[in-house]
Amino acid sequence: MATAEFRFYEELNDFLAPERRKRAFFHRCARAATVKNAIESLGVPHTEVEVILVNGESVDFSQIVREGDRVAVFPRFETFDVRPLLRLREAPLREARFVADSHLGGLARLLRMLGYDTLYSNHLDDDEIIDISAREGRIILTRDRELLKRKEVTHGCFVHALKAEAQFAEIVDRLQLSGGARPFALCLHCNLPLKPVEKAAVLEHLPPMVREHYERFCTCEGCGRIYWEGSHWDRMWQRLRAAVPELKGMESARTRTGDLG
């Protein structure tokens, strides 16, 4: 067994016991423990970690912890270039796509509203979520840190907030999603792309007031729902802009929607 000094930075401290936050502390590791084993034994999922320095040298998760090592653990960096250091995933995902666990339905709906492909179902178990993530290149969103500790998981994000609106703001900020936003491009119910449709093609499905006042419509080929500039459109925009200020002033005519229900 080896005793090493650990120091975790920024939001990684949220996973630690209060007496270990924002300070260096000593931790006795299991025999032949890797830094991944040690970090996760302290409560931090490996998916939250971007760079590890042992005695000032960048290492990967397989590094064995030795007596007297000084281990510094960093989350994702946003403000400076860490390319000279060893990043812990083979390659970043080309696009941000998500699979959310069963407790994050509200967050999934808001991400879809912003235009991000987000799979969600109450019926997905952990093994299915991991399989989908690996097969389709999706980031796992969860509040279950044990799920993110699974060795098969390469891209995941622990959601700290409890309420959907706060979760949404947290994920948009942490993963810098504002740049790829395409508001109202996806069906909020089944996650498929919306397609413009002529009013005449859906006329018989519209309530009388909608027939009279609206001209632009989109439809989802998966569930058949019809969308237009409904009365709650402004409320949806307000929810998005609260988390993504960059959306203010965005040209929205192409994507304005309302929901037939």
Protein backbone atom coordinates (compact mmCIF):
# COMPACT_ATOMS: atom_id res chain seq x y z
CA MET A 1 0.00 0.00 0.00
CA ALA A 2 1.16 3.55 -0.75
CA THR A 3 0.34 6.88 0.82
CA ALA A 4 0.21 9.77 -1.64
CA GLU A 5 -0.68 13.45 -1.48
CA PHE A 6 -3.73 14.43 -3.55
CA ARG A 7 -5.05 17.82 -4.62
CA PHE A 8 -8.23 18.25 -6.67
CA TYR A 9 -9.08 21.47 -8.50
CA GLU A 10 -12.20 23.50 -9.28
CA GLU A 11 -15.51 21.62 -9.52
CA LEU A 12 -13.88 18.25 -8.76
CA ASN A 13 -13.91 19.34 -5.11
CA ASP A 14 -17.70 18.96 -5.11
CA PHE A 15 -17.24 15.17 -5.09
CA LEU A 16 -14.94 15.15 -2.05
CA ALA A 17 -15.67 15.03 1.64
CA PRO A 18 -15.81 18.63 2.97
CA GLU A 19 -12.56 18.33 4.91
CA ARG A 20 -10.67 17.42 1.71
CA ARG A 21 -11.93 20.20 -0.53
CA LYS A 22 -9.59 22.84 -1.99
CA ARG A 23 -6.56 21.60 -0.10
CA ALA A 24 -3.86 18.96 -0.36
CA PHE A 25 -4.41 15.83 1.72
CA PHE A 26 -2.83 12.42 2.19
CA HIS A 27 -4.63 9.26 1.14
CA ARG A 28 -3.59 5.64 1.66
CA CYS A 29 -4.20 3.72 -1.57
CA ALA A 30 -4.82 0.03 -2.13
CA ARG A 31 -1.87 -2.14 -3.15
CA ALA A 32 -0.82 -1.48 -6.76
CA ALA A 33 -3.68 1.02 -7.19
CA THR A 34 -3.74 3.04 -10.38
CA VAL A 35 -4.44 6.77 -10.20
CA LYS A 36 -7.86 5.99 -11.69
CA ASN A 37 -8.58 3.56 -8.83
CA ALA A 38 -7.40 6.08 -6.26
CA ILE A 39 -9.33 9.02 -7.74
CA GLU A 40 -12.57 7.06 -7.93
CA SER A 41 -12.10 5.65 -4.41
CA LEU A 42 -12.19 9.27 -3.26
CA GLY A 43 -15.55 9.75 -5.00
CA VAL A 44 -14.55 11.46 -8.26
CA PRO A 45 -15.77 9.73 -11.48
CA HIS A 46 -13.02 9.38 -14.07
CA THR A 47 -15.21 11.01 -16.72
CA GLU A 48 -14.94 14.31 -14.84
CA VAL A 49 -11.13 14.33 -15.03
CA GLU A 50 -9.14 15.81 -17.92
CA VAL A 51 -5.51 16.04 -16.74
CA ILE A 52 -3.54 14.26 -13.99
CA LEU A 53 -0.09 15.35 -12.86
CA VAL A 54 2.00 13.04 -10.69
CA ASN A 55 5.05 14.78 -9.24
CA GLY A 56 4.58 17.46 -11.89
CA GLU A 57 4.49 15.01 -14.84
CA SER A 58 1.38 14.31 -16.91
CA VAL A 59 0.21 10.68 -16.64
CA ASP A 60 -2.70 8.56 -17.80
CA PHE A 61 -5.19 6.60 -15.72
CA SER A 62 -3.01 3.47 -15.67
CA GLN A 63 -0.19 5.10 -13.67
CA ILE A 64 0.51 3.15 -10.46
CA VAL A 65 0.43 5.27 -7.30
CA ARG A 66 3.71 5.03 -5.39
CA GLU A 67 4.70 6.01 -1.87
CA GLY A 68 5.13 9.76 -1.53
CA ASP A 69 3.63 10.69 -4.92
CA ARG A 70 2.06 14.13 -5.29
CA VAL A 71 -1.08 13.81 -7.41
CA ALA A 72 -2.85 16.86 -8.88
CA VAL A 73 -6.19 16.23 -10.59
CA PHE A 74 -7.83 18.75 -12.94
CA PRO A 75 -11.25 18.96 -14.62
CA ARG A 76 -11.94 20.14 -18.17
CA PHE A 77 -10.07 23.33 -19.00
CA GLU A 78 -11.84 26.27 -20.62
CA THR A 79 -9.47 29.22 -20.31
CA PHE A 80 -6.05 27.99 -21.37
CA ASP A 81 -4.44 25.55 -23.76
CA VAL A 82 -3.58 22.12 -22.30
CA ARG A 83 -2.61 20.43 -25.57
CA PRO A 84 1.02 19.94 -24.45
CA LEU A 85 -0.29 17.83 -21.54
CA LEU A 86 -1.65 14.32 -21.76
CA ARG A 87 -5.42 14.37 -22.10
CA LEU A 88 -7.14 11.26 -20.81
CA ARG A 89 -9.51 10.40 -23.66
CA GLU A 90 -8.28 9.21 -27.04
CA ALA A 91 -10.18 11.87 -28.96
CA PRO A 92 -12.95 14.40 -28.37
CA LEU A 93 -16.37 13.63 -29.79
CA ARG A 94 -17.00 15.36 -33.12
CA GLU A 95 -20.36 16.68 -31.97
CA ALA A 96 -22.14 16.92 -28.66
CA ARG A 97 -24.86 14.28 -28.51
CA PHE A 98 -26.24 12.95 -25.28
CA VAL A 99 -27.96 10.07 -23.56
CA ALA A 100 -29.61 11.04 -20.27
CA ASP A 101 -30.48 8.67 -17.47
CA SER A 102 -33.99 8.15 -16.17
CA HIS A 103 -33.85 11.00 -13.64
CA LEU A 104 -33.06 13.74 -16.18
CA GLY A 105 -36.15 13.94 -18.38
CA GLY A 106 -36.55 17.68 -17.86
CA LEU A 107 -32.94 18.34 -18.79
CA ALA A 108 -33.27 16.13 -21.89
CA ARG A 109 -36.28 18.13 -23.08
CA LEU A 110 -34.44 21.45 -22.63
CA LEU A 111 -31.39 20.17 -24.52
CA ARG A 112 -33.66 19.07 -27.37
CA MET A 113 -35.27 22.51 -27.29
CA LEU A 114 -31.79 23.99 -27.78
CA GLY A 115 -31.23 21.65 -30.72
CA TYR A 116 -29.02 18.98 -29.16
CA ASP A 117 -29.69 15.34 -30.00
CA THR A 118 -30.54 13.84 -26.58
CA LEU A 119 -31.80 10.30 -26.05
CA TYR A 120 -33.91 9.70 -22.97
CA SER A 121 -36.20 6.95 -21.75
CA ASN A 122 -37.48 5.87 -18.35
CA HIS A 123 -36.79 2.30 -19.38
CA LEU A 124 -33.03 2.47 -20.06
CA ASP A 125 -30.89 0.69 -17.48
CA ASP A 126 -27.21 1.44 -16.85
CA ASP A 127 -25.92 -1.24 -19.23
CA GLU A 128 -28.13 0.05 -22.04
CA ILE A 129 -27.01 3.64 -21.44
CA ILE A 130 -23.35 2.61 -21.56
CA ASP A 131 -23.91 0.58 -24.74
CA ILE A 132 -25.69 3.49 -26.46
CA SER A 133 -22.94 5.90 -25.40
CA ALA A 134 -20.20 3.68 -26.83
CA ARG A 135 -22.05 2.68 -30.00
CA GLU A 136 -23.35 6.12 -30.94
CA GLY A 137 -20.66 8.38 -29.48
CA ARG A 138 -22.96 10.02 -26.93
CA ILE A 139 -22.05 11.78 -23.69
CA ILE A 140 -23.77 10.23 -20.68
CA LEU A 141 -25.60 12.72 -18.47
CA THR A 142 -26.33 11.41 -15.00
CA ARG A 143 -26.46 12.17 -11.28
CA ASP A 144 -25.25 8.64 -10.56
CA ARG A 145 -21.50 8.88 -9.98
CA GLU A 146 -21.22 5.07 -9.79
CA LEU A 147 -22.42 4.86 -13.40
CA LEU A 148 -19.63 7.22 -14.48
CA LYS A 149 -17.06 5.11 -12.63
CA ARG A 150 -17.76 2.13 -14.87
CA LYS A 151 -14.61 1.38 -16.88
CA GLU A 152 -16.57 1.14 -20.14
CA VAL A 153 -17.60 4.79 -19.91
CA THR A 154 -15.34 7.17 -21.82
CA HIS A 155 -17.52 10.29 -22.17
CA GLY A 156 -19.81 11.31 -19.35
CA CYS A 157 -20.83 14.30 -17.31
CA PHE A 158 -22.05 14.32 -13.71
CA VAL A 159 -24.96 16.74 -13.29
CA HIS A 160 -24.65 18.60 -9.99
CA ALA A 161 -27.87 20.65 -9.96
CA LEU A 162 -31.18 19.16 -8.80
CA LYS A 163 -33.73 21.14 -10.82
CA ALA A 164 -34.06 20.92 -14.61
CA GLU A 165 -33.54 24.64 -15.29
CA ALA A 166 -30.39 24.76 -13.16
CA GLN A 167 -29.16 21.51 -14.72
CA PHE A 168 -29.63 22.99 -18.17
CA ALA A 169 -27.69 26.16 -17.32
CA GLU A 170 -24.93 24.04 -15.76
CA ILE A 171 -24.50 21.75 -18.78
CA VAL A 172 -24.66 24.60 -21.31
CA ASP A 173 -21.91 26.41 -19.42
CA ARG A 174 -19.66 23.44 -18.63
CA LEU A 175 -19.79 21.95 -22.13
CA GLN A 176 -19.92 25.31 -23.93
CA LEU A 177 -23.03 24.43 -25.92
CA SER A 178 -24.10 27.93 -26.93
CA GLY A 179 -22.05 27.92 -30.13
CA GLY A 180 -23.83 24.88 -31.57
CA ALA A 181 -27.36 25.86 -30.57
CA ARG A 182 -30.15 25.32 -33.13
CA PRO A 183 -33.29 26.20 -31.18
CA PHE A 184 -36.42 24.23 -32.03
CA ALA A 185 -34.77 22.08 -34.69
CA LEU A 186 -35.76 18.82 -32.97
CA CYS A 187 -39.02 17.27 -31.82
CA LEU A 188 -39.26 17.79 -28.08
CA HIS A 189 -40.97 14.44 -27.66
CA CYS A 190 -39.04 11.96 -29.80
CA ASN A 191 -35.78 13.79 -30.63
CA LEU A 192 -36.08 13.56 -34.43
CA PRO A 193 -35.44 16.54 -36.75
CA LEU A 194 -38.42 18.76 -37.56
CA LYS A 195 -39.26 19.37 -41.21
CA PRO A 196 -41.24 22.25 -42.74
CA VAL A 197 -44.62 21.28 -44.09
CA GLU A 198 -47.20 23.11 -46.21
CA LYS A 199 -50.24 24.33 -44.31
CA ALA A 200 -52.55 22.55 -46.75
CA ALA A 201 -50.98 19.21 -45.87
CA VAL A 202 -51.86 19.51 -42.18
CA LEU A 203 -54.94 21.72 -42.38
CA GLU A 204 -57.40 19.07 -41.27
CA HIS A 205 -55.39 18.43 -38.10
CA LEU A 206 -55.32 22.07 -36.95
CA PRO A 207 -57.67 23.69 -34.43
CA PRO A 208 -59.83 26.49 -35.95
CA MET A 209 -57.89 29.32 -34.27
CA VAL A 210 -54.58 27.94 -35.53
CA ARG A 211 -55.92 27.65 -39.10
CA GLU A 212 -56.90 31.30 -38.96
CA HIS A 213 -53.79 32.85 -37.41
CA TYR A 214 -50.72 30.79 -38.40
CA GLU A 215 -49.08 30.03 -41.72
CA ARG A 216 -45.76 28.29 -41.02
CA PHE A 217 -45.66 24.74 -39.73
CA CYS A 218 -43.19 21.94 -39.04
CA THR A 219 -43.85 18.30 -38.41
CA CYS A 220 -42.08 15.32 -36.90
CA GLU A 221 -42.11 12.25 -39.10
CA GLY A 222 -41.56 10.04 -36.06
CA CYS A 223 -44.50 10.90 -33.84
CA GLY A 224 -46.59 12.98 -36.27
CA ARG A 225 -46.80 16.04 -34.03
CA ILE A 226 -47.30 19.39 -35.74
CA TYR A 227 -45.50 22.53 -34.55
CA TRP A 228 -46.19 26.22 -35.13
CA GLU A 229 -45.65 29.64 -33.50
CA GLY A 230 -47.93 28.87 -30.60
CA SER A 231 -48.73 31.04 -27.63
CA HIS A 232 -46.10 29.34 -25.50
CA TRP A 233 -43.33 30.00 -28.02
CA ASP A 234 -42.21 33.14 -26.15
CA ARG A 235 -42.10 31.22 -22.87
CA MET A 236 -39.84 28.58 -24.41
CA TRP A 237 -37.54 31.28 -25.78
CA GLN A 238 -37.37 32.88 -22.33
CA ARG A 239 -36.29 29.55 -20.81
CA LEU A 240 -33.55 29.15 -23.39
CA ARG A 241 -32.29 32.72 -23.13
CA ALA A 242 -32.11 32.47 -19.34
CA ALA A 243 -29.44 29.78 -19.72
CA VAL A 244 -27.95 30.88 -23.05
CA PRO A 245 -27.70 34.70 -23.20
CA GLU A 246 -25.99 34.40 -26.59
CA LEU A 247 -29.40 33.57 -28.09
CA LYS A 248 -30.63 37.12 -27.56
CA GLY A 249 -31.12 38.71 -30.93
CA MET A 250 -30.81 35.42 -32.80
CA GLU A 251 -32.87 35.32 -36.00
CA SER A 252 -35.59 32.89 -35.05
CA ALA A 253 -38.12 33.03 -37.85
CA ARG A 254 -36.83 29.78 -39.35
CA THR A 255 -37.24 27.84 -36.15
CA ARG A 256 -40.23 29.32 -34.34
CA THR A 257 -42.51 26.57 -33.12
CA GLY A 258 -45.48 25.84 -31.01
CA ASP A 259 -46.86 22.45 -30.12
CA LEU A 260 -50.17 20.98 -31.13
CA GLY A 261 -49.91 18.75 -28.08
